[in-house]
Structure formats: C-alpha cells, structure tokens
Amino acid sequence: MSNRIIYLREENNKTVGCVAISTSEDTHYGKTINYQVSVHNPRDLFNKAMARQLAIGRLIDSPFKVYADYTNIHDVTYFVMKEIASNKNKLFPSRAIIAAKCWIKKSGRLTT
C-alpha cells in the first residue's frame, strides 16, 4: 500500500484543495486507487494542514475508488486527476475540476 498527498493548484499556482490517495492490490479487483478530496472555500484563508486532515479523514470514511493498472505513483496521480477532471458523478466543485485539468495539462499526458 502506498499513500500520497497532492495539493490542487490553479493555473496561477494558487492552491485550491488537497487530494489524499492510497493504493492497494486485491486478489478479486486487482489494483485499486482510493482517493478523497477537500476543496478550499475562496472566502477563507487556505490552510494546508486543515485541507490535508479533511482529505485524509474523508479517505478513511468514504473513499472514491478507481480500478486501474498503474505501474508507479505518477500513474496513480494521473488516474486520480483524470477522475476528478471528468467529474462523472458531479461530486467536485469547479475549482477542483479546473485544477485537475491543469495538472493533466502540465504533466504532458493526454486524457484518452
């Protein structure tokens, strides 16, 4: 199992949220990525420690899951950002979606 914390940033590098990620392998489902997001309210001052703790708490209580064949932590991050950017279930605020798309663009990966 691997754990990772990523801070979501807008194009201007302003931090807008935090993503907590953990990975595991299951004999039935294969490789699983669990993640959860906390997003900063623009009316408040951003607090990294608070954002991190919120994301970790949510990850423990109610993780989102992605089943993907990853080979390294960069692949894991890409799959999570792709999920956030797609916002299939209408779960994330636009700030998180924009930041995830920005991460994908800066990573140089295509969103196929």
Protein backbone atom coordinates (compact mmCIF):
# COMPACT_ATOMS: atom_id res chain seq x y z
CA MET A 1 0.00 0.00 0.00
CA SER A 2 1.21 3.45 -0.88
CA ASN A 3 -0.07 6.83 0.34
CA ARG A 4 0.22 10.25 -1.23
CA ILE A 5 -0.96 13.81 -0.63
CA ILE A 6 -1.31 16.17 -3.60
CA TYR A 7 -2.31 19.83 -3.45
CA LEU A 8 -4.61 21.01 -6.21
CA ARG A 9 -3.40 24.20 -7.86
CA GLU A 10 -4.92 26.54 -10.41
CA GLU A 11 -3.10 27.78 -13.50
CA ASN A 12 -1.64 30.68 -11.48
CA ASN A 13 -0.26 28.10 -8.96
CA LYS A 14 -2.77 29.17 -6.27
CA THR A 15 -3.63 26.20 -4.02
CA VAL A 16 -7.34 25.37 -4.07
CA GLY A 17 -7.52 21.97 -2.40
CA CYS A 18 -5.96 18.70 -1.36
CA VAL A 19 -6.20 15.10 -2.54
CA ALA A 20 -5.36 12.16 -0.29
CA ILE A 21 -4.53 8.94 -2.16
CA SER A 22 -3.86 5.37 -1.12
CA THR A 23 -3.31 2.31 -3.28
CA SER A 24 -3.76 -1.41 -2.69
CA GLU A 25 -3.92 -4.69 -4.54
CA ASP A 26 -6.83 -7.06 -4.12
CA THR A 27 -6.98 -10.61 -5.42
CA HIS A 28 -10.53 -10.03 -6.69
CA TYR A 29 -10.40 -6.46 -8.08
CA GLY A 30 -6.70 -6.11 -8.85
CA LYS A 31 -5.05 -2.74 -8.34
CA THR A 32 -7.22 -0.20 -6.57
CA ILE A 33 -6.69 3.52 -6.07
CA ASN A 34 -8.63 5.11 -3.22
CA TYR A 35 -8.82 8.90 -3.07
CA GLN A 36 -10.70 11.74 -1.49
CA VAL A 37 -10.69 15.50 -1.98
CA SER A 38 -11.02 18.60 0.16
CA VAL A 39 -11.55 21.91 -1.63
CA HIS A 40 -10.87 25.35 -0.21
CA ASN A 41 -13.68 27.87 0.06
CA PRO A 42 -12.35 31.01 -1.67
CA ARG A 43 -13.81 33.19 1.11
CA ASP A 44 -11.48 31.54 3.67
CA LEU A 45 -7.70 31.52 4.02
CA PHE A 46 -6.22 28.27 2.72
CA ASN A 47 -4.73 26.13 5.47
CA LYS A 48 -2.64 23.20 4.17
CA ALA A 49 -2.78 21.25 7.43
CA MET A 50 -6.58 21.55 7.65
CA ALA A 51 -7.05 20.63 3.97
CA ARG A 52 -4.77 17.60 4.39
CA GLN A 53 -6.59 16.39 7.52
CA LEU A 54 -10.00 16.81 5.86
CA ALA A 55 -8.89 14.85 2.80
CA ILE A 56 -7.33 12.07 4.91
CA GLY A 57 -10.42 11.84 7.13
CA ARG A 58 -12.67 11.59 4.09
CA LEU A 59 -10.35 8.99 2.56
CA ILE A 60 -10.72 6.83 5.67
CA ASP A 61 -14.50 7.32 5.98
CA SER A 62 -15.71 7.29 2.38
CA PRO A 63 -13.07 6.85 -0.33
CA PHE A 64 -13.70 7.12 -4.03
CA LYS A 65 -12.28 4.14 -5.90
CA VAL A 66 -10.57 3.78 -9.25
CA TYR A 67 -9.57 0.40 -10.63
CA ALA A 68 -6.56 0.93 -12.87
CA ASP A 69 -3.42 -0.86 -13.96
CA TYR A 70 -0.79 1.54 -12.68
CA THR A 71 2.96 0.95 -12.57
CA ASN A 72 4.14 3.90 -10.46
CA ILE A 73 2.90 6.73 -8.28
CA HIS A 74 2.82 9.12 -11.25
CA ASP A 75 0.34 6.81 -12.99
CA VAL A 76 -1.72 6.74 -9.80
CA THR A 77 -1.82 10.53 -9.64
CA TYR A 78 -2.77 10.73 -13.31
CA PHE A 79 -5.71 8.32 -12.89
CA VAL A 80 -6.99 10.28 -9.88
CA MET A 81 -6.67 13.65 -11.64
CA LYS A 82 -8.42 12.20 -14.68
CA GLU A 83 -11.32 11.07 -12.47
CA ILE A 84 -11.60 14.46 -10.80
CA ALA A 85 -11.37 16.29 -14.14
CA SER A 86 -14.12 14.14 -15.68
CA ASN A 87 -16.42 14.77 -12.68
CA LYS A 88 -18.69 11.95 -13.86
CA ASN A 89 -20.81 11.93 -10.71
CA LYS A 90 -20.96 15.72 -10.28
CA LEU A 91 -19.11 15.44 -6.97
CA PHE A 92 -16.45 18.11 -7.19
CA PRO A 93 -16.55 21.91 -7.24
CA SER A 94 -15.38 23.61 -10.42
CA ARG A 95 -12.16 24.77 -8.68
CA ALA A 96 -11.13 21.11 -8.20
CA ILE A 97 -12.01 20.19 -11.78
CA ILE A 98 -10.07 23.12 -13.21
CA ALA A 99 -7.05 22.31 -11.01
CA ALA A 100 -7.11 18.63 -12.04
CA LYS A 101 -7.26 19.62 -15.72
CA CYS A 102 -4.37 22.00 -15.12
CA TRP A 103 -2.33 19.17 -13.53
CA ILE A 104 -3.03 16.89 -16.51
CA LYS A 105 -2.04 19.64 -18.96
CA LYS A 106 1.20 20.37 -17.08
CA SER A 107 2.01 16.65 -16.82
CA GLY A 108 2.06 16.42 -20.63
CA ARG A 109 -0.27 13.41 -20.66
CA LEU A 110 -3.21 13.07 -22.99
CA THR A 111 -6.66 12.49 -21.47
CA THR A 112 -7.51 9.45 -23.57
